[in-house]
Amino acid sequence: MIVVEERDNTWRLVTQPEHARLAGELAGRWSRPDPLPAAAWPRLVEAVRRHDEGWAEAEREPAIDERGRPHTFKSLPTAAHADIWRCTIDGLAEADAYVALLVALHGRWLYTRMARPGQRDDPAAVALLQELAHRIDELLDRLRRDEPGLAEALTPRTLEIARRLLGLLDAWSLMLVGGLSPGRFPEPVAFGAETAQIEIEPGAPAVRVAPWPFAEPGPFDLAVAARWIPARRYRNALDVAHTLRKANVGQLRFRVIPP
């Protein structure tokens, strides 16, 4: 989960699937990059929306760290984190190989470019990267065989455009809910006929985005579900799960505005 300390001795929790849903809302408003075929665009939006689907089961009884605090997506042991990636991609591949391919490419990028200190050499991470490379090739072969009309979306250039966009929207959603610090995504991202590094500046009462990459002029409003639990030492996953079932539920609201 994304866990943020509040001032009133509580923790604010947002689930990974809920954060991904928020990223999907941003994707749905995005100005489709010109090189990406229109037929593939709804499936890319779906990949953004579902890229953390495998977390749902794990978050029903969240694992805790040595301090008795629910693990965040950044603190969960690598072996458990890798299993969630496998679960996510396996589930997606049953319904849509293109969606699964984009999520697998995103996972490989995260484990190679954004890994935690020491994680890249973890045997669980090494094994996952090997599996992802095989799975990506397998999904590409399947799509080329079964969906020849998707060929334009499967070139190295268009796959990189899609992978960067998924990465940016994942990062933005995490910034909005407190999982990452605000700032500029490290890679240029395509929108419409343009490509640029885009910066998000979260703040009250509005979130500023520059340059403006969305299809419609702003501003627009977003909301994400969150729960608040006491900031205390929890005994085990069942203790956290029981507390979550009784937790206060509310929404975080954002207004996204142009520069």
Protein backbone atom coordinates (compact mmCIF):
# COMPACT_ATOMS: atom_id res chain seq x y z
CA MET A 1 0.00 0.00 0.00
CA ILE A 2 0.90 3.65 -0.06
CA VAL A 3 1.24 4.66 3.60
CA VAL A 4 1.45 8.33 4.58
CA GLU A 5 1.87 9.62 8.14
CA GLU A 6 -0.75 12.20 9.11
CA ARG A 7 -0.46 14.82 11.86
CA ASP A 8 -3.15 13.29 14.08
CA ASN A 9 -1.24 10.06 14.82
CA THR A 10 -2.89 8.17 11.98
CA TRP A 11 -1.68 6.58 8.77
CA ARG A 12 -3.43 7.25 5.49
CA LEU A 13 -3.53 4.20 3.26
CA VAL A 14 -4.27 3.96 -0.46
CA THR A 15 -4.28 0.54 -2.09
CA GLN A 16 -2.18 -0.19 -5.15
CA PRO A 17 -5.20 -1.04 -7.35
CA GLU A 18 -6.86 2.24 -6.31
CA HIS A 19 -3.71 4.20 -7.16
CA ALA A 20 -3.65 2.39 -10.54
CA ARG A 21 -7.29 3.32 -11.15
CA LEU A 22 -6.33 6.96 -10.62
CA ALA A 23 -3.47 6.56 -13.11
CA GLY A 24 -6.00 5.08 -15.53
CA GLU A 25 -8.20 8.16 -15.18
CA LEU A 26 -5.25 10.33 -16.18
CA ALA A 27 -4.56 8.00 -19.12
CA GLY A 28 -8.15 8.31 -20.27
CA ARG A 29 -7.74 12.10 -20.51
CA TRP A 30 -4.34 11.97 -22.22
CA SER A 31 -3.85 13.25 -25.76
CA ARG A 32 -3.06 10.03 -27.64
CA PRO A 33 0.47 10.20 -29.06
CA ASP A 34 0.26 10.37 -32.85
CA PRO A 35 2.56 7.36 -33.46
CA LEU A 36 0.33 5.06 -31.38
CA PRO A 37 -2.45 3.45 -33.44
CA ALA A 38 -5.94 4.50 -32.39
CA ALA A 39 -7.03 0.85 -32.23
CA ALA A 40 -4.42 0.10 -29.53
CA TRP A 41 -5.10 3.21 -27.45
CA PRO A 42 -8.00 1.87 -25.30
CA ARG A 43 -5.89 -1.17 -24.48
CA LEU A 44 -2.99 1.04 -23.34
CA VAL A 45 -5.39 2.94 -21.09
CA GLU A 46 -6.53 -0.42 -19.73
CA ALA A 47 -2.92 -1.43 -19.05
CA VAL A 48 -2.41 1.73 -17.01
CA ARG A 49 -5.61 1.13 -15.06
CA ARG A 50 -4.80 -2.51 -14.29
CA HIS A 51 -1.01 -2.48 -13.90
CA ASP A 52 -1.17 -3.15 -10.13
CA GLU A 53 -4.06 -5.63 -10.19
CA GLY A 54 -2.02 -8.40 -8.57
CA TRP A 55 -1.78 -6.44 -5.32
CA ALA A 56 -5.47 -6.89 -4.50
CA GLU A 57 -5.05 -10.29 -2.85
CA ALA A 58 -1.87 -9.34 -0.96
CA GLU A 59 -3.48 -6.18 0.44
CA ARG A 60 -6.44 -8.00 1.98
CA GLU A 61 -4.05 -9.00 4.77
CA PRO A 62 -1.12 -6.57 4.42
CA ALA A 63 2.28 -7.82 5.52
CA ILE A 64 3.95 -5.82 8.29
CA ASP A 65 7.57 -4.83 8.76
CA GLU A 66 9.78 -5.28 11.83
CA ARG A 67 8.22 -2.15 13.38
CA GLY A 68 4.70 -3.54 13.12
CA ARG A 69 3.83 -1.12 10.31
CA PRO A 70 2.14 -2.19 7.06
CA HIS A 71 4.69 -2.65 4.31
CA THR A 72 4.62 -0.10 1.52
CA PHE A 73 5.25 -1.03 -2.11
CA LYS A 74 8.80 0.24 -1.58
CA SER A 75 9.55 -1.74 1.59
CA LEU A 76 7.98 -5.12 0.76
CA PRO A 77 10.66 -7.84 0.48
CA THR A 78 11.75 -8.37 -3.10
CA ALA A 79 10.62 -12.01 -3.27
CA ALA A 80 7.06 -11.06 -2.31
CA HIS A 81 7.12 -8.06 -4.65
CA ALA A 82 8.28 -10.27 -7.54
CA ASP A 83 5.48 -12.77 -6.89
CA ILE A 84 2.93 -9.95 -7.16
CA TRP A 85 4.36 -8.96 -10.56
CA ARG A 86 4.04 -12.57 -11.74
CA CYS A 87 0.46 -12.74 -10.51
CA THR A 88 -0.40 -9.45 -12.21
CA ILE A 89 1.03 -10.38 -15.60
CA ASP A 90 -0.39 -13.92 -15.55
CA GLY A 91 -3.86 -12.58 -14.81
CA LEU A 92 -3.68 -9.91 -17.50
CA ALA A 93 -2.32 -12.29 -20.13
CA GLU A 94 -5.42 -14.46 -19.87
CA ALA A 95 -7.59 -11.59 -21.11
CA ASP A 96 -5.33 -9.39 -23.27
CA ALA A 97 -1.77 -10.15 -24.34
CA TYR A 98 -1.10 -6.52 -25.34
CA VAL A 99 -2.12 -5.22 -21.91
CA ALA A 100 0.07 -7.88 -20.28
CA LEU A 101 2.98 -6.99 -22.57
CA LEU A 102 2.90 -3.31 -21.62
CA VAL A 103 2.76 -4.14 -17.91
CA ALA A 104 5.65 -6.61 -18.29
CA LEU A 105 7.73 -3.94 -20.05
CA HIS A 106 6.91 -1.52 -17.22
CA GLY A 107 7.92 -4.08 -14.61
CA ARG A 108 11.23 -4.75 -16.34
CA TRP A 109 11.97 -1.01 -16.51
CA LEU A 110 11.19 -0.56 -12.81
CA TYR A 111 13.49 -3.42 -11.81
CA THR A 112 16.35 -2.24 -14.03
CA ARG A 113 16.12 1.56 -13.83
CA MET A 114 14.26 2.31 -10.59
CA ALA A 115 15.35 -0.53 -8.32
CA ARG A 116 15.89 0.07 -4.60
CA PRO A 117 19.51 0.05 -3.37
CA GLY A 118 20.75 -3.54 -3.48
CA GLN A 119 17.56 -4.85 -5.08
CA ARG A 120 19.04 -5.35 -8.54
CA ASP A 121 21.42 -8.01 -7.18
CA ASP A 122 18.76 -9.76 -5.11
CA PRO A 123 18.33 -13.34 -6.45
CA ALA A 124 14.55 -12.81 -6.53
CA ALA A 125 14.98 -9.74 -8.73
CA VAL A 126 17.46 -11.48 -11.03
CA ALA A 127 15.05 -14.39 -11.45
CA LEU A 128 12.13 -12.08 -12.14
CA LEU A 129 14.04 -10.13 -14.79
CA GLN A 130 14.92 -13.36 -16.55
CA GLU A 131 11.29 -14.44 -16.46
CA LEU A 132 10.09 -11.05 -17.70
CA ALA A 133 12.46 -11.17 -20.68
CA HIS A 134 11.08 -14.60 -21.62
CA ARG A 135 7.48 -13.50 -21.04
CA ILE A 136 7.89 -10.35 -23.14
CA ASP A 137 9.22 -12.39 -26.07
CA GLU A 138 6.41 -14.90 -25.63
CA LEU A 139 3.71 -12.21 -25.59
CA LEU A 140 5.21 -10.47 -28.63
CA ASP A 141 5.23 -13.74 -30.58
CA ARG A 142 1.63 -14.40 -29.58
CA LEU A 143 0.47 -10.94 -30.65
CA ARG A 144 2.32 -11.02 -33.96
CA ARG A 145 0.77 -14.39 -34.72
CA ASP A 146 -2.77 -13.74 -33.51
CA GLU A 147 -3.22 -9.99 -34.15
CA PRO A 148 -1.43 -8.94 -37.35
CA GLY A 149 -3.48 -5.74 -37.39
CA LEU A 150 -1.63 -4.67 -34.24
CA ALA A 151 1.79 -4.70 -35.96
CA GLU A 152 2.17 -0.91 -35.87
CA ALA A 153 1.74 -0.92 -32.09
CA LEU A 154 4.44 -3.59 -31.65
CA THR A 155 7.43 -1.79 -33.18
CA PRO A 156 10.27 -0.97 -30.78
CA ARG A 157 9.47 2.75 -31.16
CA THR A 158 5.76 2.51 -30.35
CA LEU A 159 6.33 0.06 -27.50
CA GLU A 160 8.84 2.48 -25.96
CA ILE A 161 6.35 5.35 -26.30
CA ALA A 162 3.70 3.24 -24.54
CA ARG A 163 6.13 2.04 -21.85
CA ARG A 164 7.21 5.59 -21.01
CA LEU A 165 3.63 6.77 -20.79
CA LEU A 166 2.67 3.97 -18.42
CA GLY A 167 5.72 4.78 -16.30
CA LEU A 168 4.89 8.47 -16.12
CA LEU A 169 1.23 7.94 -15.22
CA ASP A 170 2.17 5.37 -12.58
CA ALA A 171 4.63 7.88 -11.08
CA TRP A 172 2.17 10.78 -11.23
CA SER A 173 -0.54 8.86 -9.45
CA LEU A 174 1.95 7.85 -6.75
CA MET A 175 3.00 11.51 -6.37
CA LEU A 176 -0.62 12.57 -5.93
CA VAL A 177 -1.31 10.05 -3.16
CA GLY A 178 2.01 10.57 -1.38
CA GLY A 179 3.95 7.51 -2.52
CA LEU A 180 6.63 9.49 -4.39
CA SER A 181 8.05 12.98 -4.09
CA PRO A 182 6.75 15.49 -6.66
CA GLY A 183 8.90 16.36 -9.64
CA ARG A 184 9.71 15.81 -13.27
CA PHE A 185 9.54 12.35 -14.81
CA PRO A 186 13.08 11.39 -15.93
CA GLU A 187 12.15 10.62 -19.55
CA PRO A 188 10.45 12.63 -22.32
CA VAL A 189 6.89 11.42 -22.92
CA ALA A 190 4.74 11.74 -26.05
CA PHE A 191 1.34 13.45 -26.24
CA GLY A 192 -0.38 14.33 -29.50
CA ALA A 193 2.31 15.43 -31.95
CA GLU A 194 4.71 16.50 -29.17
CA THR A 195 7.31 14.89 -26.92
CA ALA A 196 8.55 16.61 -23.76
CA GLN A 197 9.58 16.15 -20.17
CA ILE A 198 6.49 16.91 -18.14
CA GLU A 199 6.45 18.18 -14.57
CA ILE A 200 3.76 17.81 -11.93
CA GLU A 201 3.56 20.22 -9.01
CA PRO A 202 1.16 18.88 -6.36
CA GLY A 203 -0.13 21.43 -3.91
CA ALA A 204 -3.24 22.93 -2.36
CA PRO A 205 -5.70 23.55 -3.76
CA ALA A 206 -4.55 22.48 -7.23
CA VAL A 207 -2.03 20.30 -9.05
CA ARG A 208 -0.20 22.07 -11.85
CA VAL A 209 0.99 20.14 -14.93
CA ALA A 210 3.42 21.59 -17.47
CA PRO A 211 3.36 21.36 -20.41
CA TRP A 212 -0.33 20.42 -20.69
CA PRO A 213 -0.58 16.90 -22.23
CA PHE A 214 -4.31 16.23 -22.03
CA ALA A 215 -6.78 16.09 -24.90
CA GLU A 216 -9.18 18.63 -23.38
CA PRO A 217 -8.36 22.01 -21.85
CA GLY A 218 -8.22 22.04 -18.06
CA PRO A 219 -8.88 22.14 -15.29
CA PHE A 220 -10.44 18.84 -14.21
CA ASP A 221 -11.07 17.07 -10.91
CA LEU A 222 -9.92 13.68 -9.63
CA ALA A 223 -10.61 11.66 -6.50
CA VAL A 224 -9.10 8.56 -4.94
CA ALA A 225 -10.35 6.39 -2.07
CA ALA A 226 -8.27 6.29 1.10
CA ARG A 227 -8.52 4.81 4.58
CA TRP A 228 -7.14 6.04 7.89
CA ILE A 229 -5.92 3.76 10.67
CA PRO A 230 -4.20 4.42 14.00
CA ALA A 231 -0.43 4.80 13.76
CA ARG A 232 0.57 2.02 16.15
CA ARG A 233 2.52 -1.22 16.21
CA TYR A 234 0.40 -4.00 14.67
CA ARG A 235 0.83 -7.60 15.80
CA ASN A 236 0.42 -9.30 12.42
CA ALA A 237 -1.33 -9.12 9.06
CA LEU A 238 -4.66 -10.17 10.58
CA ASP A 239 -4.47 -7.29 13.05
CA VAL A 240 -3.99 -4.85 10.18
CA ALA A 241 -6.76 -6.46 8.13
CA HIS A 242 -9.21 -6.28 11.04
CA THR A 243 -8.35 -2.61 11.61
CA LEU A 244 -8.75 -1.82 7.90
CA ARG A 245 -12.24 -3.33 7.85
CA LYS A 246 -13.28 -0.86 10.57
CA ALA A 247 -11.27 2.09 9.22
CA ASN A 248 -12.59 5.50 8.31
CA VAL A 249 -12.98 5.68 4.54
CA GLY A 250 -12.85 8.91 2.59
CA GLN A 251 -11.50 10.51 -0.55
CA LEU A 252 -8.49 12.54 -1.54
CA ARG A 253 -9.49 15.15 -4.10
CA PHE A 254 -7.33 16.95 -6.63
CA ARG A 255 -7.88 19.67 -9.21
CA VAL A 256 -5.50 19.40 -12.15
CA ILE A 257 -4.72 22.72 -13.79
CA PRO A 258 -2.61 23.90 -16.75
CA PRO A 259 0.55 25.98 -16.31
